[in-house]
Amino acid sequence: MKQDRIAAKNIVLVHGGFVDGSGWEGVYKTLKRDGYTVAIVQNPIISLADDVAVTKRTIASQDGPVILVGHSYGGAVITEAGNDPKVAGLVYVAAFAPDKGESVFSLIKDPQPGAPVPPILPPQDGYLFLDKAKFPASFAADVDPETAAFMADSQVPWGLGAPNGTISEPAWKTKPSWYLLTTEDKMIPPDAQRAMSKRAGSTVVEVKGSHAVYVSQPQAVAALIETAAKGAAAKAA
């Protein structure tokens, strides 16, 4: 691959709620093999402001333009952190793309009739968990059962300050964006993904996959990220 034909050789991956950055391993390996520099953010997912700060520190450590990638709640993080001048483009992977003043909670508070409802348990000491028994079917239906069970049992507590955090200025209004839409998603309904990606003006690719598509289909996710890395240059021109 000729690096001079891409807008950004630096990729920064941001995970969502209930999980950590290790789920990006397959995507990471594909991008590294193809010559990209890849950084994986390990957000504490306690508050949106903290996660944005952690993500911006990772962006600052890169040696040039960045393609910023977010899965699920990570989409809210990149929507705010993506205003950083180093960010050349945004990639949403089955992710929230909030507008100014919106939060993840405001986007999910009024689900459409018949839409799947994530099995989020009542808060425990200010933190959220998914029902472990329902986690595989809701979050990771196309992930192998052993891995899905591990993901359920290794959940990262999601602080209420994270999904309640509001966006001050959405980066997708000024930066080009791409969106990988998962048609079998039981966490963020496909119709909601379509609405958010259309509003953001994203280039959309639909994949038949679960919410955990970054684990189950890393090649498809990496392919869109590489498209963004090349396409951001054309859009900038």
C-alpha atoms as a PDB file:
ATOM      1  CA  MET A   1       0.000   0.000   0.000  1.00  0.00           C
ATOM      2  CA  LYS A   2       1.304   3.444  -0.919  1.00  0.00           C
ATOM      3  CA  GLN A   3       1.071   5.565   2.196  1.00  0.00           C
ATOM      4  CA  ASP A   4       1.322   8.804   0.162  1.00  0.00           C
ATOM      5  CA  ARG A   5      -2.142   8.122  -1.258  1.00  0.00           C
ATOM      6  CA  ILE A   6      -3.925   8.184   2.048  1.00  0.00           C
ATOM      7  CA  ALA A   7      -4.964  11.088   4.220  1.00  0.00           C
ATOM      8  CA  ALA A   8      -3.989   9.440   7.474  1.00  0.00           C
ATOM      9  CA  LYS A   9      -1.789   6.498   8.355  1.00  0.00           C
ATOM     10  CA  ASN A  10      -2.700   6.833  12.058  1.00  0.00           C
ATOM     11  CA  ILE A  11      -5.820   5.032  13.258  1.00  0.00           C
ATOM     12  CA  VAL A  12      -7.214   5.550  16.765  1.00  0.00           C
ATOM     13  CA  LEU A  13      -9.807   3.003  17.935  1.00  0.00           C
ATOM     14  CA  VAL A  14     -12.317   3.864  20.683  1.00  0.00           C
ATOM     15  CA  HIS A  15     -14.387   1.143  22.387  1.00  0.00           C
ATOM     16  CA  GLY A  16     -17.928   1.464  23.697  1.00  0.00           C
ATOM     17  CA  GLY A  17     -19.718   0.761  26.961  1.00  0.00           C
ATOM     18  CA  PHE A  18     -19.513  -2.529  28.890  1.00  0.00           C
ATOM     19  CA  VAL A  19     -16.294  -3.561  27.082  1.00  0.00           C
ATOM     20  CA  ASP A  20     -12.639  -2.541  26.809  1.00  0.00           C
ATOM     21  CA  GLY A  21     -10.237  -2.067  23.917  1.00  0.00           C
ATOM     22  CA  SER A  22      -9.205  -5.717  23.603  1.00  0.00           C
ATOM     23  CA  GLY A  23     -12.146  -6.457  21.305  1.00  0.00           C
ATOM     24  CA  TRP A  24     -10.398  -4.469  18.584  1.00  0.00           C
ATOM     25  CA  GLU A  25      -7.619  -7.078  18.260  1.00  0.00           C
ATOM     26  CA  GLY A  26      -8.804  -8.480  14.925  1.00  0.00           C
ATOM     27  CA  VAL A  27      -9.265  -5.013  13.427  1.00  0.00           C
ATOM     28  CA  TYR A  28      -5.888  -3.949  14.833  1.00  0.00           C
ATOM     29  CA  LYS A  29      -4.070  -6.910  13.258  1.00  0.00           C
ATOM     30  CA  THR A  30      -5.596  -6.261   9.830  1.00  0.00           C
ATOM     31  CA  LEU A  31      -4.747  -2.557   9.878  1.00  0.00           C
ATOM     32  CA  LYS A  32      -1.200  -3.183  11.120  1.00  0.00           C
ATOM     33  CA  ARG A  33      -0.672  -5.758   8.384  1.00  0.00           C
ATOM     34  CA  ASP A  34      -1.747  -3.156   5.834  1.00  0.00           C
ATOM     35  CA  GLY A  35       0.805  -0.641   7.056  1.00  0.00           C
ATOM     36  CA  TYR A  36      -1.170   1.587   9.405  1.00  0.00           C
ATOM     37  CA  THR A  37      -0.142   2.854  12.816  1.00  0.00           C
ATOM     38  CA  VAL A  38      -2.886   1.832  15.245  1.00  0.00           C
ATOM     39  CA  ALA A  39      -3.580   3.055  18.773  1.00  0.00           C
ATOM     40  CA  ILE A  40      -6.296   1.606  20.985  1.00  0.00           C
ATOM     41  CA  VAL A  41      -7.837   3.879  23.596  1.00  0.00           C
ATOM     42  CA  GLN A  42      -8.663   2.315  26.973  1.00  0.00           C
ATOM     43  CA  ASN A  43     -11.391   4.603  28.231  1.00  0.00           C
ATOM     44  CA  PRO A  44     -12.553   4.315  31.862  1.00  0.00           C
ATOM     45  CA  ILE A  45     -16.175   4.850  30.625  1.00  0.00           C
ATOM     46  CA  ILE A  46     -17.123   6.679  33.822  1.00  0.00           C
ATOM     47  CA  SER A  47     -17.884  10.059  32.252  1.00  0.00           C
ATOM     48  CA  LEU A  48     -17.988  11.363  28.686  1.00  0.00           C
ATOM     49  CA  ALA A  49     -15.696  14.262  29.557  1.00  0.00           C
ATOM     50  CA  ASP A  50     -13.009  11.942  30.939  1.00  0.00           C
ATOM     51  CA  ASP A  51     -13.279   9.611  27.955  1.00  0.00           C
ATOM     52  CA  VAL A  52     -12.924  12.518  25.546  1.00  0.00           C
ATOM     53  CA  ALA A  53      -9.845  13.695  27.461  1.00  0.00           C
ATOM     54  CA  VAL A  54      -8.260  10.226  27.375  1.00  0.00           C
ATOM     55  CA  THR A  55      -8.999   9.913  23.662  1.00  0.00           C
ATOM     56  CA  LYS A  56      -7.523  13.342  22.910  1.00  0.00           C
ATOM     57  CA  ARG A  57      -4.320  12.382  24.728  1.00  0.00           C
ATOM     58  CA  THR A  58      -4.035   9.394  22.395  1.00  0.00           C
ATOM     59  CA  ILE A  59      -4.694  11.604  19.369  1.00  0.00           C
ATOM     60  CA  ALA A  60      -2.002  14.018  20.546  1.00  0.00           C
ATOM     61  CA  SER A  61       0.552  11.204  20.669  1.00  0.00           C
ATOM     62  CA  GLN A  62       0.136  10.421  16.954  1.00  0.00           C
ATOM     63  CA  ASP A  63       2.672  11.804  14.482  1.00  0.00           C
ATOM     64  CA  GLY A  64       0.214  13.082  11.896  1.00  0.00           C
ATOM     65  CA  PRO A  65      -3.417  13.103  10.751  1.00  0.00           C
ATOM     66  CA  VAL A  66      -5.740  10.617  12.440  1.00  0.00           C
ATOM     67  CA  ILE A  67      -8.773   8.573  11.434  1.00  0.00           C
ATOM     68  CA  LEU A  68     -10.816   8.348  14.638  1.00  0.00           C
ATOM     69  CA  VAL A  69     -12.993   5.240  15.009  1.00  0.00           C
ATOM     70  CA  GLY A  70     -15.734   4.664  17.587  1.00  0.00           C
ATOM     71  CA  HIS A  71     -17.936   1.666  18.362  1.00  0.00           C
ATOM     72  CA  SER A  72     -21.316   2.100  20.070  1.00  0.00           C
ATOM     73  CA  TYR A  73     -20.926   4.650  22.924  1.00  0.00           C
ATOM     74  CA  GLY A  74     -17.460   5.281  21.480  1.00  0.00           C
ATOM     75  CA  GLY A  75     -19.323   7.119  18.728  1.00  0.00           C
ATOM     76  CA  ALA A  76     -20.328   9.778  21.244  1.00  0.00           C
ATOM     77  CA  VAL A  77     -16.698  10.021  22.363  1.00  0.00           C
ATOM     78  CA  ILE A  78     -15.368  10.531  18.827  1.00  0.00           C
ATOM     79  CA  THR A  79     -18.175  12.997  18.037  1.00  0.00           C
ATOM     80  CA  GLU A  80     -16.711  15.311  20.694  1.00  0.00           C
ATOM     81  CA  ALA A  81     -13.011  14.367  20.525  1.00  0.00           C
ATOM     82  CA  GLY A  82     -13.087  14.466  16.719  1.00  0.00           C
ATOM     83  CA  ASN A  83     -12.989  18.270  16.784  1.00  0.00           C
ATOM     84  CA  ASP A  84      -9.265  17.922  17.441  1.00  0.00           C
ATOM     85  CA  PRO A  85      -7.411  19.465  14.477  1.00  0.00           C
ATOM     86  CA  LYS A  86      -5.400  16.265  13.947  1.00  0.00           C
ATOM     87  CA  VAL A  87      -8.550  14.286  13.132  1.00  0.00           C
ATOM     88  CA  ALA A  88      -9.007  13.953   9.352  1.00  0.00           C
ATOM     89  CA  GLY A  89     -12.076  11.723   9.414  1.00  0.00           C
ATOM     90  CA  LEU A  90     -14.501   9.800  11.625  1.00  0.00           C
ATOM     91  CA  VAL A  91     -15.617   6.192  11.376  1.00  0.00           C
ATOM     92  CA  TYR A  92     -18.719   5.076  13.274  1.00  0.00           C
ATOM     93  CA  VAL A  93     -19.068   1.326  13.848  1.00  0.00           C
ATOM     94  CA  ALA A  94     -22.634   0.490  14.932  1.00  0.00           C
ATOM     95  CA  ALA A  95     -22.270   3.677  16.917  1.00  0.00           C
ATOM     96  CA  PHE A  96     -24.099   6.645  18.348  1.00  0.00           C
ATOM     97  CA  ALA A  97     -23.583   9.898  16.445  1.00  0.00           C
ATOM     98  CA  PRO A  98     -25.198  12.513  18.700  1.00  0.00           C
ATOM     99  CA  ASP A  99     -25.927  16.094  17.723  1.00  0.00           C
ATOM    100  CA  LYS A 100     -25.198  19.157  19.863  1.00  0.00           C
ATOM    101  CA  GLY A 101     -26.827  18.839  23.292  1.00  0.00           C
ATOM    102  CA  GLU A 102     -27.667  15.154  22.800  1.00  0.00           C
ATOM    103  CA  SER A 103     -26.413  12.209  24.862  1.00  0.00           C
ATOM    104  CA  VAL A 104     -26.557   8.453  24.412  1.00  0.00           C
ATOM    105  CA  PHE A 105     -29.419   8.313  26.916  1.00  0.00           C
ATOM    106  CA  SER A 106     -31.381  11.019  25.105  1.00  0.00           C
ATOM    107  CA  LEU A 107     -31.026   9.026  21.879  1.00  0.00           C
ATOM    108  CA  ILE A 108     -32.338   5.773  23.378  1.00  0.00           C
ATOM    109  CA  LYS A 109     -35.015   7.047  25.780  1.00  0.00           C
ATOM    110  CA  ASP A 110     -37.897   6.734  23.291  1.00  0.00           C
ATOM    111  CA  PRO A 111     -37.400   3.505  21.307  1.00  0.00           C
ATOM    112  CA  GLN A 112     -39.614   2.845  18.311  1.00  0.00           C
ATOM    113  CA  PRO A 113     -42.438   0.319  18.900  1.00  0.00           C
ATOM    114  CA  GLY A 114     -41.113  -3.190  18.357  1.00  0.00           C
ATOM    115  CA  ALA A 115     -37.469  -2.116  18.459  1.00  0.00           C
ATOM    116  CA  PRO A 116     -35.120  -4.317  20.521  1.00  0.00           C
ATOM    117  CA  VAL A 117     -34.397  -2.951  23.988  1.00  0.00           C
ATOM    118  CA  PRO A 118     -30.884  -3.522  25.407  1.00  0.00           C
ATOM    119  CA  PRO A 119     -30.970  -5.672  28.581  1.00  0.00           C
ATOM    120  CA  ILE A 120     -29.488  -2.947  30.796  1.00  0.00           C
ATOM    121  CA  LEU A 121     -29.922  -3.721  34.486  1.00  0.00           C
ATOM    122  CA  PRO A 122     -30.895  -1.052  37.042  1.00  0.00           C
ATOM    123  CA  PRO A 123     -27.892   1.039  38.155  1.00  0.00           C
ATOM    124  CA  GLN A 124     -25.681  -0.388  40.892  1.00  0.00           C
ATOM    125  CA  ASP A 125     -23.833   2.334  42.836  1.00  0.00           C
ATOM    126  CA  GLY A 126     -24.003   4.590  39.787  1.00  0.00           C
ATOM    127  CA  TYR A 127     -22.870   1.991  37.246  1.00  0.00           C
ATOM    128  CA  LEU A 128     -24.650   0.000  34.569  1.00  0.00           C
ATOM    129  CA  PHE A 129     -24.281  -3.619  33.467  1.00  0.00           C
ATOM    130  CA  LEU A 130     -25.976  -5.760  30.858  1.00  0.00           C
ATOM    131  CA  ASP A 131     -27.806  -8.890  32.007  1.00  0.00           C
ATOM    132  CA  LYS A 132     -25.117 -11.558  31.585  1.00  0.00           C
ATOM    133  CA  ALA A 133     -27.615 -14.193  30.475  1.00  0.00           C
ATOM    134  CA  LYS A 134     -28.942 -11.916  27.731  1.00  0.00           C
ATOM    135  CA  PHE A 135     -25.617 -10.364  26.744  1.00  0.00           C
ATOM    136  CA  PRO A 136     -24.662 -12.856  23.987  1.00  0.00           C
ATOM    137  CA  ALA A 137     -27.972 -12.604  22.112  1.00  0.00           C
ATOM    138  CA  SER A 138     -28.230  -8.822  22.458  1.00  0.00           C
ATOM    139  CA  PHE A 139     -24.633  -7.694  22.041  1.00  0.00           C
ATOM    140  CA  ALA A 140     -22.726 -10.491  20.333  1.00  0.00           C
ATOM    141  CA  ALA A 141     -25.114 -12.817  18.500  1.00  0.00           C
ATOM    142  CA  ASP A 142     -22.632 -13.634  15.710  1.00  0.00           C
ATOM    143  CA  VAL A 143     -19.593 -14.015  17.981  1.00  0.00           C
ATOM    144  CA  ASP A 144     -18.571 -17.546  18.890  1.00  0.00           C
ATOM    145  CA  PRO A 145     -20.387 -18.607  22.102  1.00  0.00           C
ATOM    146  CA  GLU A 146     -17.223 -18.985  24.185  1.00  0.00           C
ATOM    147  CA  THR A 147     -16.019 -15.485  23.332  1.00  0.00           C
ATOM    148  CA  ALA A 148     -19.486 -14.006  23.831  1.00  0.00           C
ATOM    149  CA  ALA A 149     -19.697 -15.612  27.281  1.00  0.00           C
ATOM    150  CA  PHE A 150     -16.277 -14.194  28.155  1.00  0.00           C
ATOM    151  CA  MET A 151     -17.397 -10.732  27.036  1.00  0.00           C
ATOM    152  CA  ALA A 152     -20.484 -11.034  29.246  1.00  0.00           C
ATOM    153  CA  ASP A 153     -18.461 -12.116  32.274  1.00  0.00           C
ATOM    154  CA  SER A 154     -15.730  -9.498  31.789  1.00  0.00           C
ATOM    155  CA  GLN A 155     -18.016  -6.491  31.451  1.00  0.00           C
ATOM    156  CA  VAL A 156     -16.589  -3.099  32.317  1.00  0.00           C
ATOM    157  CA  PRO A 157     -18.961  -1.132  34.587  1.00  0.00           C
ATOM    158  CA  TRP A 158     -20.453   1.767  32.613  1.00  0.00           C
ATOM    159  CA  GLY A 159     -20.719   4.894  34.745  1.00  0.00           C
ATOM    160  CA  LEU A 160     -23.918   6.906  34.407  1.00  0.00           C
ATOM    161  CA  GLY A 161     -21.879  10.012  33.596  1.00  0.00           C
ATOM    162  CA  ALA A 162     -20.852   8.435  30.282  1.00  0.00           C
ATOM    163  CA  PRO A 163     -24.230   7.885  28.570  1.00  0.00           C
ATOM    164  CA  ASN A 164     -25.580  11.058  30.238  1.00  0.00           C
ATOM    165  CA  GLY A 165     -22.763  13.227  28.870  1.00  0.00           C
ATOM    166  CA  THR A 166     -23.887  15.707  26.219  1.00  0.00           C
ATOM    167  CA  ILE A 167     -22.110  16.825  23.058  1.00  0.00           C
ATOM    168  CA  SER A 168     -20.940  20.442  22.900  1.00  0.00           C
ATOM    169  CA  GLU A 169     -20.107  20.486  19.192  1.00  0.00           C
ATOM    170  CA  PRO A 170     -20.468  17.428  16.902  1.00  0.00           C
ATOM    171  CA  ALA A 171     -17.329  16.845  14.849  1.00  0.00           C
ATOM    172  CA  TRP A 172     -19.327  15.244  12.034  1.00  0.00           C
ATOM    173  CA  LYS A 173     -20.559  18.716  11.079  1.00  0.00           C
ATOM    174  CA  THR A 174     -17.057  19.698   9.962  1.00  0.00           C
ATOM    175  CA  LYS A 175     -15.247  16.379   9.385  1.00  0.00           C
ATOM    176  CA  PRO A 176     -16.005  13.677   6.776  1.00  0.00           C
ATOM    177  CA  SER A 177     -17.504  10.527   8.268  1.00  0.00           C
ATOM    178  CA  TRP A 178     -18.143   6.901   7.413  1.00  0.00           C
ATOM    179  CA  TYR A 179     -20.645   4.599   9.099  1.00  0.00           C
ATOM    180  CA  LEU A 180     -20.712   0.807   9.318  1.00  0.00           C
ATOM    181  CA  LEU A 181     -24.368  -0.077   9.878  1.00  0.00           C
ATOM    182  CA  THR A 182     -25.197  -3.479  11.379  1.00  0.00           C
ATOM    183  CA  THR A 183     -28.506  -4.830  10.103  1.00  0.00           C
ATOM    184  CA  GLU A 184     -28.903  -7.489  12.829  1.00  0.00           C
ATOM    185  CA  ASP A 185     -28.122  -5.160  15.748  1.00  0.00           C
ATOM    186  CA  LYS A 186     -30.115  -5.718  18.955  1.00  0.00           C
ATOM    187  CA  MET A 187     -28.456  -2.893  20.919  1.00  0.00           C
ATOM    188  CA  ILE A 188     -28.803   0.082  18.540  1.00  0.00           C
ATOM    189  CA  PRO A 189     -31.685  -0.625  16.130  1.00  0.00           C
ATOM    190  CA  PRO A 190     -30.682  -0.471  12.445  1.00  0.00           C
ATOM    191  CA  ASP A 191     -33.302   2.234  11.791  1.00  0.00           C
ATOM    192  CA  ALA A 192     -31.727   4.402  14.493  1.00  0.00           C
ATOM    193  CA  GLN A 193     -28.316   3.838  12.920  1.00  0.00           C
ATOM    194  CA  ARG A 194     -29.728   4.842   9.526  1.00  0.00           C
ATOM    195  CA  ALA A 195     -31.216   8.039  10.952  1.00  0.00           C
ATOM    196  CA  MET A 196     -28.011   9.069  12.736  1.00  0.00           C
ATOM    197  CA  SER A 197     -25.732   8.272   9.798  1.00  0.00           C
ATOM    198  CA  LYS A 198     -28.008  10.150   7.377  1.00  0.00           C
ATOM    199  CA  ARG A 199     -28.109  13.183   9.659  1.00  0.00           C
ATOM    200  CA  ALA A 200     -24.316  13.144   9.903  1.00  0.00           C
ATOM    201  CA  GLY A 201     -23.960  12.903   6.132  1.00  0.00           C
ATOM    202  CA  SER A 202     -21.882   9.758   6.528  1.00  0.00           C
ATOM    203  CA  THR A 203     -20.837   7.388   3.777  1.00  0.00           C
ATOM    204  CA  VAL A 204     -22.701   4.244   4.860  1.00  0.00           C
ATOM    205  CA  VAL A 205     -21.822   0.572   4.434  1.00  0.00           C
ATOM    206  CA  GLU A 206     -24.374  -1.969   5.665  1.00  0.00           C
ATOM    207  CA  VAL A 207     -23.168  -5.296   7.053  1.00  0.00           C
ATOM    208  CA  LYS A 208     -25.262  -8.240   8.171  1.00  0.00           C
ATOM    209  CA  GLY A 209     -23.914  -8.523  11.686  1.00  0.00           C
ATOM    210  CA  SER A 210     -24.505  -8.036  15.402  1.00  0.00           C
ATOM    211  CA  HIS A 211     -23.580  -5.078  17.581  1.00  0.00           C
ATOM    212  CA  ALA A 212     -20.195  -6.752  18.160  1.00  0.00           C
ATOM    213  CA  VAL A 213     -19.343  -6.694  14.432  1.00  0.00           C
ATOM    214  CA  TYR A 214     -15.874  -5.362  15.264  1.00  0.00           C
ATOM    215  CA  VAL A 215     -15.206  -8.712  16.968  1.00  0.00           C
ATOM    216  CA  SER A 216     -17.090 -11.021  14.593  1.00  0.00           C
ATOM    217  CA  GLN A 217     -16.180  -9.365  11.275  1.00  0.00           C
ATOM    218  CA  PRO A 218     -12.941  -7.442  11.804  1.00  0.00           C
ATOM    219  CA  GLN A 219     -12.022  -7.514   8.116  1.00  0.00           C
ATOM    220  CA  ALA A 220     -15.214  -5.669   7.158  1.00  0.00           C
ATOM    221  CA  VAL A 221     -14.595  -3.056   9.835  1.00  0.00           C
ATOM    222  CA  ALA A 222     -10.940  -2.632   8.849  1.00  0.00           C
ATOM    223  CA  ALA A 223     -11.927  -2.299   5.188  1.00  0.00           C
ATOM    224  CA  LEU A 224     -14.191   0.672   5.934  1.00  0.00           C
ATOM    225  CA  ILE A 225     -11.498   2.282   8.091  1.00  0.00           C
ATOM    226  CA  GLU A 226      -9.031   1.960   5.209  1.00  0.00           C
ATOM    227  CA  THR A 227     -11.607   3.434   2.835  1.00  0.00           C
ATOM    228  CA  ALA A 228     -11.911   6.380   5.225  1.00  0.00           C
ATOM    229  CA  ALA A 229      -8.138   6.792   5.440  1.00  0.00           C
ATOM    230  CA  LYS A 230      -7.980   7.092   1.653  1.00  0.00           C
ATOM    231  CA  GLY A 231     -11.266   8.970   1.221  1.00  0.00           C
ATOM    232  CA  ALA A 232     -10.506  11.704   3.740  1.00  0.00           C
ATOM    233  CA  ALA A 233      -7.769  12.920   1.376  1.00  0.00           C
ATOM    234  CA  ALA A 234     -10.208  13.196  -1.536  1.00  0.00           C
ATOM    235  CA  LYS A 235     -12.794  14.998   0.598  1.00  0.00           C
ATOM    236  CA  ALA A 236     -10.165  17.403   1.886  1.00  0.00           C
ATOM    237  CA  ALA A 237      -9.131  18.167  -1.690  1.00  0.00           C
END
